[in-house]
Amino acid sequence: MTIIMPFFGLQEARERIQKETKPTANLESILDHLAFSLYKQGNLKRALLLTDELYRMNPDHPRAKGNVRWYEDLLEDEGIRRADMRRKVPPMNNPRDKSNLKDTYEALCRQEVPIVSSVTVRDCGPDFG
């Protein structure tokens, strides 16, 4: 499963918070989640760079140091030398799921598909009616 939407939302949050005089969100949390999203997409070098940034911000962050090592180990497993782990960062890998379900979901979000009136949110609970 690829994580697409959270990545863009987190990237937007990061850009906004950096422009705010009084932050409305926690940049450390944003960087941590953004790095994880990049890792899940296979963007290990980018995940490592963000985690490096997080570690510089807060060396006592509960996951940053361990995640730096984790990403370095994964890159090493891919045959990348430690000296090259932060160099030549490839373009963003952001594979798109081509399933019909995603297309339907996006069409529903754009209100392009009529919603059947007999099926409503109240019918989706654990009791189903």
Protein backbone atom coordinates (compact mmCIF):
# COMPACT_ATOMS: atom_id res chain seq x y z
CA MET A 1 0.00 0.00 0.00
CA THR A 2 1.39 3.39 -0.90
CA ILE A 3 0.95 6.46 1.21
CA ILE A 4 0.18 9.32 -1.14
CA MET A 5 -2.31 11.75 0.36
CA PRO A 6 -0.70 12.03 3.80
CA PHE A 7 2.63 12.89 2.17
CA PHE A 8 1.23 15.90 0.35
CA GLY A 9 -0.70 17.04 3.41
CA LEU A 10 2.40 16.76 5.57
CA GLN A 11 4.54 18.56 3.02
CA GLU A 12 1.99 21.38 2.90
CA ALA A 13 1.92 21.53 6.72
CA ARG A 14 5.71 21.71 6.82
CA GLU A 15 5.80 24.59 4.34
CA ARG A 16 3.08 26.49 6.20
CA ILE A 17 4.56 26.04 9.65
CA GLN A 18 7.92 27.34 8.46
CA LYS A 19 6.22 30.59 7.41
CA GLU A 20 4.31 31.06 10.68
CA THR A 21 5.62 33.40 13.34
CA LYS A 22 3.84 31.37 16.02
CA PRO A 23 3.73 27.71 14.92
CA THR A 24 0.30 26.09 14.98
CA ALA A 25 1.72 22.56 14.74
CA ASN A 26 4.73 20.58 15.92
CA LEU A 27 7.44 20.60 13.24
CA GLU A 28 9.18 17.60 14.83
CA SER A 29 6.03 15.51 14.50
CA ILE A 30 5.54 16.65 10.91
CA LEU A 31 9.14 15.73 9.99
CA ASP A 32 8.84 12.35 11.71
CA HIS A 33 5.64 11.44 9.86
CA LEU A 34 6.85 12.89 6.57
CA ALA A 35 10.05 10.84 6.77
CA PHE A 36 8.00 7.70 7.46
CA SER A 37 5.76 8.42 4.45
CA LEU A 38 8.83 8.82 2.25
CA TYR A 39 10.27 5.56 3.61
CA LYS A 40 7.02 3.71 2.81
CA GLN A 41 7.18 5.05 -0.77
CA GLY A 42 10.73 3.78 -1.15
CA ASN A 43 12.34 7.22 -0.94
CA LEU A 44 14.97 6.11 1.59
CA LYS A 45 17.51 8.86 0.94
CA ARG A 46 14.85 11.52 1.32
CA ALA A 47 13.58 9.86 4.51
CA LEU A 48 17.13 9.81 5.85
CA LEU A 49 17.67 13.50 5.07
CA LEU A 50 14.46 14.51 6.87
CA THR A 51 15.34 12.32 9.83
CA ASP A 52 18.79 13.92 9.93
CA GLU A 53 17.05 17.30 10.08
CA LEU A 54 14.80 16.06 12.89
CA TYR A 55 17.79 14.72 14.82
CA ARG A 56 19.62 18.06 14.47
CA MET A 57 16.52 19.84 15.78
CA ASN A 58 16.15 17.52 18.74
CA PRO A 59 18.92 14.99 19.48
CA ASP A 60 16.71 13.62 22.28
CA HIS A 61 13.80 12.80 19.97
CA PRO A 62 12.63 9.27 20.89
CA ARG A 63 12.94 7.84 17.36
CA ALA A 64 15.26 10.10 15.37
CA LYS A 65 18.62 8.50 16.20
CA GLY A 66 17.29 4.96 15.76
CA ASN A 67 15.56 5.87 12.50
CA VAL A 68 18.77 7.41 11.11
CA ARG A 69 20.52 4.09 11.76
CA TRP A 70 17.55 2.15 10.34
CA TYR A 71 17.53 4.12 7.07
CA GLU A 72 21.32 3.87 6.79
CA ASP A 73 21.12 0.10 7.25
CA LEU A 74 18.39 -0.19 4.60
CA LEU A 75 20.41 1.89 2.15
CA GLU A 76 23.49 -0.20 2.91
CA ASP A 77 21.42 -3.33 2.18
CA GLU A 78 20.68 -1.79 -1.23
CA GLY A 79 24.43 -1.52 -1.86
CA ILE A 80 24.75 2.20 -1.20
CA ARG A 81 27.97 3.23 0.50
CA ARG A 82 27.66 5.36 3.65
CA ALA A 83 29.53 8.19 1.93
CA ASP A 84 26.84 8.29 -0.78
CA MET A 85 23.74 7.98 1.39
CA ARG A 86 23.13 11.71 1.47
CA ARG A 87 24.31 12.43 -2.08
CA LYS A 88 22.67 12.11 -5.48
CA VAL A 89 19.15 11.96 -4.08
CA PRO A 90 16.99 10.48 -6.86
CA PRO A 91 13.73 12.05 -8.03
CA MET A 92 10.71 11.41 -5.85
CA ASN A 93 9.33 7.89 -6.16
CA ASN A 94 5.56 8.25 -5.78
CA PRO A 95 3.85 5.26 -7.42
CA ARG A 96 0.14 5.63 -8.06
CA ASP A 97 -2.31 2.85 -7.40
CA LYS A 98 -4.14 2.26 -10.67
CA SER A 99 -7.04 0.36 -9.12
CA ASN A 100 -10.61 1.23 -9.98
CA LEU A 101 -11.34 1.74 -6.28
CA LYS A 102 -9.01 4.74 -6.14
CA ASP A 103 -10.56 6.25 -9.27
CA THR A 104 -14.04 5.81 -7.78
CA TYR A 105 -12.94 7.32 -4.48
CA GLU A 106 -11.47 10.36 -6.22
CA ALA A 107 -14.60 10.77 -8.36
CA LEU A 108 -16.73 10.65 -5.20
CA CYS A 109 -14.55 13.31 -3.62
CA ARG A 110 -15.10 15.52 -6.66
CA GLN A 111 -18.84 14.74 -6.43
CA GLU A 112 -18.79 13.35 -9.97
CA VAL A 113 -20.56 10.12 -9.00
CA PRO A 114 -24.11 10.23 -7.65
CA ILE A 115 -24.47 8.74 -4.19
CA VAL A 116 -27.25 6.16 -3.87
CA SER A 117 -29.77 7.57 -1.42
CA SER A 118 -30.57 4.15 0.09
CA VAL A 119 -26.98 3.81 1.31
CA THR A 120 -26.01 6.44 3.82
CA VAL A 121 -23.42 6.85 6.52
CA ARG A 122 -25.89 5.62 9.13
CA ASP A 123 -25.94 2.26 7.32
CA CYS A 124 -22.21 1.80 7.75
CA GLY A 125 -22.13 1.30 11.50
CA PRO A 126 -21.39 -1.99 13.26
CA ASP A 127 -25.12 -2.77 13.57
CA PHE A 128 -25.90 -2.02 9.91
CA GLY A 129 -29.26 -0.51 10.60
